[in-house]
Amino acid sequence: MSQQTPVNRVEPVWREWMKRWPTPSDLAHASPAEVLISWSTMGYPRRALRLQESARVISERTDGFPRTYEELLELPGVGPYTAAAVMAFAFNKRSVVLDTNIRRVLARWHGDALPAPSQTKAEVKRAESFVPHADAEAAVWNGAIMEFGALTCTARAPLCEGCPLADHCDWFRAGRPADEHAHRRRPQQWEGTNRQARGAIMAQLRIAPSGYDDLVADTALELARFAPALDGLLADGLVEQHGDLFQLPLASRP
């Protein structure tokens, strides 16, 4: 849930989910429509369906919840970061967690304002060398550096003057040089994007099923934006068409 979404937006949704679906089996047996409605406006709604698919896989396992990094990677929608984070924060096992905050802290420690736009093998190898070998210590380290990056070594206004690591930070000692990758970074657009159009359609269908013309009118989208957004939602299984009506999916896909 917290991938690409701030924790303060995630927390109330997560708490509601845990009350409503406390076990993987509970979530697995919900309708996709219920799941998408409860996902609310957190964005990237395909994540909600991947969560439900993972719950279905877990509930069908004979040996319970996956307990290894490799098993976690087999779950729908789970990649290296999510698997590493679960190993560290759910199981207190050693893993290399590389979220945005940890990547930034380690980049500055080695003299860069920010990490490269895309994660590199060298970056992963460097991070691996910092993680303590003992499971419990490694889990604490991951959480501590993540929090340190969120509160002190922030992206836009790092608190360098009060930082306990300032004397050892190559970036700070070099005079905080500008980001060498700035020309490759682009702020995420929202206005006028396909994501915005998809979100507008989903918002209307969370209220009630709708016909094509009514959906166009209610979303106030130009047809040139509306049509490809709706086609994409249908292709992704986030919306279904039944006769003249469009609605959220009621039944899970096999």
Protein backbone atom coordinates (compact mmCIF):
# COMPACT_ATOMS: atom_id res chain seq x y z
CA MET A 1 0.00 0.00 0.00
CA SER A 2 2.80 2.43 0.83
CA GLN A 3 4.56 2.06 -2.52
CA GLN A 4 4.35 5.47 -4.20
CA THR A 5 1.80 6.60 -1.60
CA PRO A 6 2.54 8.61 1.59
CA VAL A 7 2.09 6.70 4.84
CA ASN A 8 -0.34 9.29 6.23
CA ARG A 9 -2.72 8.41 3.37
CA VAL A 10 -2.13 4.70 3.73
CA GLU A 11 -2.65 4.31 7.48
CA PRO A 12 -6.42 4.89 7.71
CA VAL A 13 -7.04 2.65 4.69
CA TRP A 14 -4.78 -0.07 6.10
CA ARG A 15 -6.52 0.04 9.49
CA GLU A 16 -9.91 -0.29 7.81
CA TRP A 17 -8.68 -3.22 5.71
CA MET A 18 -7.33 -5.04 8.75
CA LYS A 19 -10.67 -4.68 10.53
CA ARG A 20 -12.62 -5.80 7.49
CA TRP A 21 -10.28 -8.55 6.24
CA PRO A 22 -8.03 -9.65 9.14
CA THR A 23 -6.79 -12.81 7.40
CA PRO A 24 -5.66 -13.62 3.85
CA SER A 25 -8.69 -15.90 3.50
CA ASP A 26 -11.05 -13.04 4.37
CA LEU A 27 -9.53 -10.82 1.70
CA ALA A 28 -9.41 -13.65 -0.83
CA HIS A 29 -13.19 -14.15 -0.55
CA ALA A 30 -14.12 -10.48 -0.92
CA SER A 31 -15.41 -9.25 -4.26
CA PRO A 32 -12.94 -7.21 -6.32
CA ALA A 33 -15.46 -4.37 -6.28
CA GLU A 34 -15.37 -4.26 -2.48
CA VAL A 35 -11.57 -4.25 -2.56
CA LEU A 36 -11.39 -1.43 -5.10
CA ILE A 37 -13.93 0.67 -3.22
CA SER A 38 -12.02 0.21 0.04
CA TRP A 39 -8.78 1.12 -1.74
CA SER A 40 -10.36 4.55 -2.03
CA THR A 41 -8.21 7.20 -3.74
CA MET A 42 -4.75 5.83 -2.97
CA GLY A 43 -3.94 5.49 -6.67
CA TYR A 44 -2.55 2.64 -8.77
CA PRO A 45 -5.63 0.47 -8.05
CA ARG A 46 -4.04 -2.54 -9.72
CA ARG A 47 -2.08 -2.86 -6.47
CA ALA A 48 -5.38 -3.59 -4.71
CA LEU A 49 -6.14 -6.48 -7.03
CA ARG A 50 -2.58 -7.81 -6.71
CA LEU A 51 -3.01 -7.76 -2.93
CA GLN A 52 -6.18 -9.78 -3.25
CA GLU A 53 -4.50 -12.22 -5.65
CA SER A 54 -1.65 -12.63 -3.14
CA ALA A 55 -4.18 -13.26 -0.38
CA ARG A 56 -5.76 -15.95 -2.51
CA VAL A 57 -2.40 -17.64 -3.14
CA ILE A 58 -1.50 -17.48 0.56
CA SER A 59 -4.85 -18.87 1.71
CA GLU A 60 -4.42 -21.84 -0.64
CA ARG A 61 -0.94 -22.71 0.63
CA THR A 62 -0.73 -25.74 2.88
CA ASP A 63 2.24 -24.37 4.82
CA GLY A 64 0.88 -20.91 5.63
CA PHE A 65 2.38 -17.53 4.87
CA PRO A 66 5.56 -17.47 2.72
CA ARG A 67 8.59 -17.25 5.02
CA THR A 68 11.49 -16.83 2.60
CA TYR A 69 12.54 -14.09 0.21
CA GLU A 70 12.19 -16.44 -2.76
CA GLU A 71 8.68 -17.52 -1.75
CA LEU A 72 7.59 -13.92 -1.33
CA LEU A 73 8.76 -13.10 -4.84
CA GLU A 74 6.31 -15.70 -6.15
CA LEU A 75 3.33 -13.68 -4.90
CA PRO A 76 1.49 -11.54 -7.48
CA GLY A 77 2.86 -8.00 -7.62
CA VAL A 78 5.67 -8.62 -5.13
CA GLY A 79 9.11 -7.49 -6.30
CA PRO A 80 12.55 -7.35 -4.66
CA TYR A 81 11.82 -4.27 -2.53
CA THR A 82 8.53 -5.56 -1.08
CA ALA A 83 9.99 -9.01 -0.42
CA ALA A 84 13.03 -7.49 1.32
CA ALA A 85 10.85 -5.17 3.40
CA VAL A 86 8.61 -8.03 4.55
CA MET A 87 11.66 -10.10 5.50
CA ALA A 88 13.05 -7.22 7.56
CA PHE A 89 9.97 -5.73 9.19
CA ALA A 90 7.63 -8.71 9.46
CA PHE A 91 10.13 -11.49 10.16
CA ASN A 92 13.15 -9.58 11.57
CA LYS A 93 15.41 -11.28 9.04
CA ARG A 94 18.47 -9.87 7.32
CA SER A 95 17.69 -8.33 3.95
CA VAL A 96 18.75 -5.37 1.84
CA VAL A 97 15.88 -2.90 1.89
CA LEU A 98 16.41 -0.08 -0.60
CA ASP A 99 13.58 2.40 -0.44
CA THR A 100 13.87 6.04 -1.52
CA ASN A 101 15.06 7.19 1.90
CA ILE A 102 17.75 4.56 2.36
CA ARG A 103 19.02 5.08 -1.18
CA ARG A 104 19.34 8.82 -0.54
CA VAL A 105 21.19 8.42 2.77
CA LEU A 106 23.74 6.03 1.28
CA ALA A 107 24.19 8.20 -1.81
CA ARG A 108 24.99 11.26 0.30
CA TRP A 109 27.28 9.28 2.56
CA HIS A 110 29.32 8.60 -0.59
CA GLY A 111 29.22 12.15 -1.96
CA ASP A 112 26.13 12.31 -4.21
CA ALA A 113 23.19 14.61 -3.63
CA LEU A 114 20.73 11.90 -4.65
CA PRO A 115 20.97 8.33 -5.95
CA ALA A 116 20.78 7.59 -9.66
CA PRO A 117 17.22 7.70 -11.08
CA SER A 118 17.33 3.93 -11.58
CA GLN A 119 18.72 1.48 -9.07
CA THR A 120 22.05 -0.09 -10.10
CA LYS A 121 23.75 -3.36 -9.24
CA ALA A 122 26.67 -1.43 -7.75
CA GLU A 123 24.26 0.45 -5.48
CA VAL A 124 22.70 -2.79 -4.24
CA LYS A 125 26.12 -4.30 -3.60
CA ARG A 126 27.23 -1.20 -1.68
CA ALA A 127 24.05 -1.23 0.42
CA GLU A 128 24.51 -4.94 1.16
CA SER A 129 27.92 -4.19 2.67
CA PHE A 130 26.35 -1.85 5.24
CA VAL A 131 23.61 -4.16 6.52
CA PRO A 132 24.64 -5.95 9.73
CA HIS A 133 24.98 -9.71 9.43
CA ALA A 134 22.80 -10.61 12.45
CA ASP A 135 19.09 -10.80 11.65
CA ALA A 136 17.77 -8.62 14.48
CA GLU A 137 20.46 -5.96 14.01
CA ALA A 138 19.85 -5.89 10.27
CA ALA A 139 16.12 -5.32 10.72
CA VAL A 140 16.78 -2.46 13.17
CA TRP A 141 19.36 -0.95 10.81
CA ASN A 142 16.92 -0.95 7.87
CA GLY A 143 14.22 0.71 9.93
CA ALA A 144 16.59 3.25 11.45
CA ILE A 145 18.14 4.37 8.17
CA MET A 146 14.72 4.56 6.55
CA GLU A 147 13.48 6.79 9.38
CA PHE A 148 16.68 8.84 9.33
CA GLY A 149 16.17 9.57 5.65
CA ALA A 150 12.52 10.48 6.19
CA LEU A 151 13.13 12.87 9.10
CA THR A 152 16.71 14.19 8.87
CA CYS A 153 18.38 13.43 5.54
CA THR A 154 15.36 14.59 3.58
CA ALA A 155 15.30 15.17 -0.16
CA ARG A 156 14.65 18.91 -0.30
CA ALA A 157 15.71 20.34 3.06
CA PRO A 158 18.12 18.00 4.85
CA LEU A 159 18.94 18.96 8.44
CA CYS A 160 22.69 18.78 7.89
CA GLU A 161 23.68 21.22 10.63
CA GLY A 162 22.21 19.01 13.32
CA CYS A 163 23.00 15.70 11.67
CA PRO A 164 25.07 13.32 13.85
CA LEU A 165 26.73 11.93 10.71
CA ALA A 166 27.68 15.27 9.13
CA ASP A 167 31.40 14.90 9.88
CA HIS A 168 31.45 11.59 8.03
CA CYS A 169 29.17 12.52 5.11
CA ASP A 170 31.13 13.00 1.89
CA TRP A 171 28.32 15.05 0.34
CA PHE A 172 28.19 17.49 3.26
CA ARG A 173 31.98 17.78 3.47
CA ALA A 174 32.12 18.53 -0.27
CA GLY A 175 29.81 21.51 0.22
CA ARG A 176 26.56 19.75 -0.74
CA PRO A 177 27.12 19.77 -4.54
CA ALA A 178 24.09 19.80 -6.82
CA ASP A 179 22.47 16.63 -8.07
CA GLU A 180 24.37 15.42 -11.14
CA HIS A 181 21.29 13.54 -12.37
CA ALA A 182 18.93 16.53 -12.11
CA HIS A 183 18.47 16.69 -15.89
CA ARG A 184 17.15 13.10 -15.88
CA ARG A 185 14.60 13.62 -13.14
CA ARG A 186 11.11 14.72 -14.04
CA PRO A 187 8.38 15.46 -11.51
CA GLN A 188 5.40 13.17 -11.89
CA GLN A 189 2.64 14.83 -13.87
CA TRP A 190 -1.00 14.46 -12.89
CA GLU A 191 -3.11 17.07 -14.66
CA GLY A 192 -3.99 15.91 -18.13
CA THR A 193 -2.50 12.45 -17.74
CA ASN A 194 -4.01 9.06 -18.46
CA ARG A 195 -3.68 8.28 -14.74
CA GLN A 196 -5.89 11.25 -13.91
CA ALA A 197 -8.49 10.14 -16.45
CA ARG A 198 -8.46 6.57 -15.11
CA GLY A 199 -8.83 7.90 -11.58
CA ALA A 200 -11.83 10.01 -12.55
CA ILE A 201 -13.57 7.01 -14.12
CA MET A 202 -12.82 4.79 -11.13
CA ALA A 203 -14.14 7.45 -8.75
CA GLN A 204 -17.49 7.50 -10.53
CA LEU A 205 -17.78 3.70 -10.68
CA ARG A 206 -17.06 3.43 -6.96
CA ILE A 207 -20.34 5.28 -6.50
CA ALA A 208 -22.44 3.21 -8.91
CA PRO A 209 -22.40 1.46 -12.29
CA SER A 210 -22.87 3.82 -15.21
CA GLY A 211 -23.61 3.93 -18.91
CA TYR A 212 -21.03 5.20 -21.38
CA ASP A 213 -22.55 8.63 -22.05
CA ASP A 214 -23.31 9.26 -18.37
CA LEU A 215 -19.76 8.25 -17.45
CA VAL A 216 -18.33 10.69 -19.98
CA ALA A 217 -20.54 13.47 -18.63
CA ASP A 218 -19.88 12.72 -14.95
CA THR A 219 -16.10 12.60 -15.38
CA ALA A 220 -16.10 15.77 -17.51
CA LEU A 221 -13.36 14.24 -19.64
CA GLU A 222 -12.83 14.93 -23.31
CA LEU A 223 -13.61 11.85 -25.37
CA ALA A 224 -10.01 11.73 -26.62
CA ARG A 225 -8.88 11.16 -23.03
CA PHE A 226 -11.88 9.21 -21.78
CA ALA A 227 -11.89 6.43 -24.38
CA PRO A 228 -8.27 5.21 -24.00
CA ALA A 229 -8.50 5.47 -20.22
CA LEU A 230 -11.64 3.32 -20.14
CA ASP A 231 -10.11 0.83 -22.59
CA GLY A 232 -7.08 0.52 -20.32
CA LEU A 233 -9.21 -0.07 -17.23
CA LEU A 234 -11.15 -2.79 -19.05
CA ALA A 235 -7.94 -4.45 -20.23
CA ASP A 236 -6.50 -4.36 -16.69
CA GLY A 237 -9.59 -5.99 -15.19
CA LEU A 238 -10.38 -2.95 -13.07
CA VAL A 239 -13.68 -2.30 -14.88
CA GLU A 240 -16.18 -4.67 -16.49
CA GLN A 241 -18.83 -4.05 -19.13
CA HIS A 242 -22.20 -5.75 -18.82
CA GLY A 243 -24.50 -4.77 -21.64
CA ASP A 244 -24.69 -0.98 -21.65
CA LEU A 245 -23.32 -0.63 -18.13
CA PHE A 246 -19.75 -0.28 -16.86
CA GLN A 247 -18.99 -1.31 -13.29
CA LEU A 248 -16.27 -2.49 -10.93
CA PRO A 249 -15.55 -6.24 -11.20
CA LEU A 250 -17.82 -8.37 -9.05
CA ALA A 251 -16.11 -11.73 -9.45
CA SER A 252 -12.47 -12.67 -9.09
CA ARG A 253 -10.57 -13.83 -12.11
CA PRO A 254 -9.40 -17.45 -12.04
